[in-house]
Amino acid sequence: MLSTETRLRLEEIIDRLATGQTVSLEERIQLKKYSVHIPFVAGKVAQALRRREAFEV
């Protein structure tokens, strides 16, 4: 279970990832750590990467 603060922080990082903004290595490590254990986060990260890919084309 994620705390509200953690969920909001992850969503902010995922939004930046989706729009092609800078995401630090530490933030990417956090995303990976949570996405391994929480399928909801993994789905949001995958969705963000698809959005970024469509944005870049």
N, C-alpha and C. Protein backbone atom coordinates (compact mmCIF):
# COMPACT_ATOMS: atom_id res chain seq x y z
N MET A 1 0.84 -1.18 0.00
CA MET A 1 0.00 0.00 0.00
C MET A 1 0.88 1.25 0.00
N LEU A 2 0.54 2.20 -0.83
CA LEU A 2 1.30 3.44 -0.93
C LEU A 2 0.65 4.51 -0.07
N SER A 3 1.48 5.34 0.54
CA SER A 3 0.95 6.51 1.23
C SER A 3 0.55 7.53 0.16
N THR A 4 -0.28 8.45 0.56
CA THR A 4 -0.72 9.49 -0.38
C THR A 4 0.46 10.30 -0.88
N GLU A 5 1.38 10.62 0.01
CA GLU A 5 2.55 11.40 -0.36
C GLU A 5 3.40 10.67 -1.40
N THR A 6 3.62 9.39 -1.18
CA THR A 6 4.41 8.59 -2.11
C THR A 6 3.72 8.48 -3.46
N ARG A 7 2.42 8.22 -3.44
CA ARG A 7 1.66 8.10 -4.68
C ARG A 7 1.72 9.39 -5.49
N LEU A 8 1.55 10.52 -4.83
CA LEU A 8 1.60 11.81 -5.53
C LEU A 8 2.99 12.07 -6.10
N ARG A 9 4.03 11.72 -5.34
CA ARG A 9 5.40 11.91 -5.83
C ARG A 9 5.66 11.04 -7.06
N LEU A 10 5.20 9.78 -7.02
CA LEU A 10 5.37 8.88 -8.16
C LEU A 10 4.59 9.38 -9.38
N GLU A 11 3.37 9.85 -9.16
CA GLU A 11 2.57 10.37 -10.28
C GLU A 11 3.22 11.58 -10.92
N GLU A 12 3.85 12.43 -10.10
CA GLU A 12 4.53 13.61 -10.63
C GLU A 12 5.72 13.18 -11.48
N ILE A 13 6.47 12.20 -11.03
CA ILE A 13 7.62 11.69 -11.80
C ILE A 13 7.13 11.05 -13.10
N ILE A 14 6.06 10.28 -13.02
CA ILE A 14 5.50 9.61 -14.20
C ILE A 14 5.00 10.64 -15.21
N ASP A 15 4.39 11.71 -14.75
CA ASP A 15 3.92 12.77 -15.66
C ASP A 15 5.10 13.43 -16.38
N ARG A 16 6.18 13.68 -15.65
CA ARG A 16 7.36 14.26 -16.29
C ARG A 16 7.97 13.30 -17.29
N LEU A 17 7.97 12.02 -16.97
CA LEU A 17 8.48 11.00 -17.88
C LEU A 17 7.65 10.98 -19.16
N ALA A 18 6.34 11.09 -19.03
CA ALA A 18 5.45 11.03 -20.18
C ALA A 18 5.61 12.23 -21.11
N THR A 19 5.94 13.39 -20.54
CA THR A 19 6.06 14.60 -21.36
C THR A 19 7.48 14.85 -21.85
N GLY A 20 8.41 13.95 -21.50
CA GLY A 20 9.77 14.09 -22.00
C GLY A 20 10.63 15.04 -21.20
N GLN A 21 10.18 15.43 -20.02
CA GLN A 21 10.97 16.30 -19.16
C GLN A 21 12.04 15.47 -18.45
N THR A 22 12.94 16.16 -17.78
CA THR A 22 14.05 15.51 -17.10
C THR A 22 13.57 14.70 -15.90
N VAL A 23 14.05 13.45 -15.83
CA VAL A 23 13.80 12.58 -14.69
C VAL A 23 15.16 12.06 -14.25
N SER A 24 15.50 12.31 -12.99
CA SER A 24 16.82 11.94 -12.50
C SER A 24 16.96 10.42 -12.36
N LEU A 25 18.20 9.99 -12.24
CA LEU A 25 18.48 8.57 -12.06
C LEU A 25 17.84 8.06 -10.77
N GLU A 26 17.92 8.83 -9.71
CA GLU A 26 17.32 8.45 -8.43
C GLU A 26 15.80 8.26 -8.57
N GLU A 27 15.16 9.15 -9.31
CA GLU A 27 13.72 9.04 -9.52
C GLU A 27 13.38 7.81 -10.37
N ARG A 28 14.21 7.52 -11.36
CA ARG A 28 13.98 6.32 -12.18
C ARG A 28 14.15 5.05 -11.35
N ILE A 29 15.11 5.06 -10.44
CA ILE A 29 15.30 3.92 -9.55
C ILE A 29 14.08 3.74 -8.66
N GLN A 30 13.54 4.84 -8.13
CA GLN A 30 12.33 4.76 -7.32
C GLN A 30 11.18 4.15 -8.11
N LEU A 31 10.99 4.62 -9.33
CA LEU A 31 9.92 4.09 -10.17
C LEU A 31 10.09 2.59 -10.39
N LYS A 32 11.30 2.17 -10.67
CA LYS A 32 11.57 0.75 -10.89
C LYS A 32 11.26 -0.06 -9.64
N LYS A 33 11.70 0.44 -8.49
CA LYS A 33 11.49 -0.26 -7.22
C LYS A 33 10.00 -0.46 -6.96
N TYR A 34 9.22 0.59 -7.13
CA TYR A 34 7.78 0.48 -6.87
C TYR A 34 7.06 -0.31 -7.95
N SER A 35 7.50 -0.19 -9.20
CA SER A 35 6.79 -0.90 -10.27
C SER A 35 7.01 -2.41 -10.21
N VAL A 36 8.11 -2.85 -9.61
CA VAL A 36 8.35 -4.29 -9.45
C VAL A 36 7.34 -4.89 -8.48
N HIS A 37 6.98 -4.13 -7.44
CA HIS A 37 6.12 -4.65 -6.38
C HIS A 37 4.66 -4.25 -6.50
N ILE A 38 4.37 -3.19 -7.26
CA ILE A 38 3.00 -2.68 -7.34
C ILE A 38 2.60 -2.59 -8.82
N PRO A 39 1.75 -3.50 -9.27
CA PRO A 39 1.36 -3.53 -10.69
C PRO A 39 0.73 -2.23 -11.19
N PHE A 40 0.01 -1.53 -10.33
CA PHE A 40 -0.60 -0.26 -10.73
C PHE A 40 0.47 0.74 -11.18
N VAL A 41 1.56 0.81 -10.45
CA VAL A 41 2.65 1.72 -10.80
C VAL A 41 3.31 1.27 -12.11
N ALA A 42 3.49 -0.03 -12.26
CA ALA A 42 4.09 -0.55 -13.49
C ALA A 42 3.24 -0.20 -14.70
N GLY A 43 1.93 -0.30 -14.56
CA GLY A 43 1.02 0.06 -15.65
C GLY A 43 1.09 1.53 -15.99
N LYS A 44 1.17 2.38 -14.96
CA LYS A 44 1.25 3.82 -15.20
C LYS A 44 2.56 4.19 -15.89
N VAL A 45 3.65 3.54 -15.51
CA VAL A 45 4.94 3.81 -16.14
C VAL A 45 4.91 3.38 -17.61
N ALA A 46 4.35 2.21 -17.88
CA ALA A 46 4.25 1.73 -19.26
C ALA A 46 3.39 2.68 -20.10
N GLN A 47 2.30 3.14 -19.52
CA GLN A 47 1.42 4.07 -20.22
C GLN A 47 2.15 5.39 -20.49
N ALA A 48 2.93 5.86 -19.53
CA ALA A 48 3.68 7.10 -19.71
C ALA A 48 4.71 6.96 -20.81
N LEU A 49 5.37 5.80 -20.87
CA LEU A 49 6.37 5.59 -21.92
C LEU A 49 5.72 5.55 -23.30
N ARG A 50 4.53 4.96 -23.40
CA ARG A 50 3.79 4.95 -24.67
C ARG A 50 3.40 6.38 -25.07
N ARG A 51 2.95 7.16 -24.09
CA ARG A 51 2.58 8.56 -24.38
C ARG A 51 3.79 9.35 -24.85
N ARG A 52 4.94 9.14 -24.21
CA ARG A 52 6.15 9.86 -24.62
C ARG A 52 6.57 9.45 -26.02
N GLU A 53 6.46 8.17 -26.32
CA GLU A 53 6.81 7.69 -27.64
C GLU A 53 5.93 8.33 -28.70
N ALA A 54 4.64 8.44 -28.43
CA ALA A 54 3.72 9.07 -29.37
C ALA A 54 4.01 10.57 -29.47
N PHE A 55 4.43 11.16 -28.38
CA PHE A 55 4.75 12.60 -28.33
C PHE A 55 5.97 12.91 -29.19
N GLU A 56 6.95 12.01 -29.20
CA GLU A 56 8.19 12.25 -29.92
C GLU A 56 8.06 12.02 -31.44
N VAL A 57 7.06 11.27 -31.84
CA VAL A 57 6.90 10.96 -33.27
C VAL A 57 6.25 12.06 -34.00
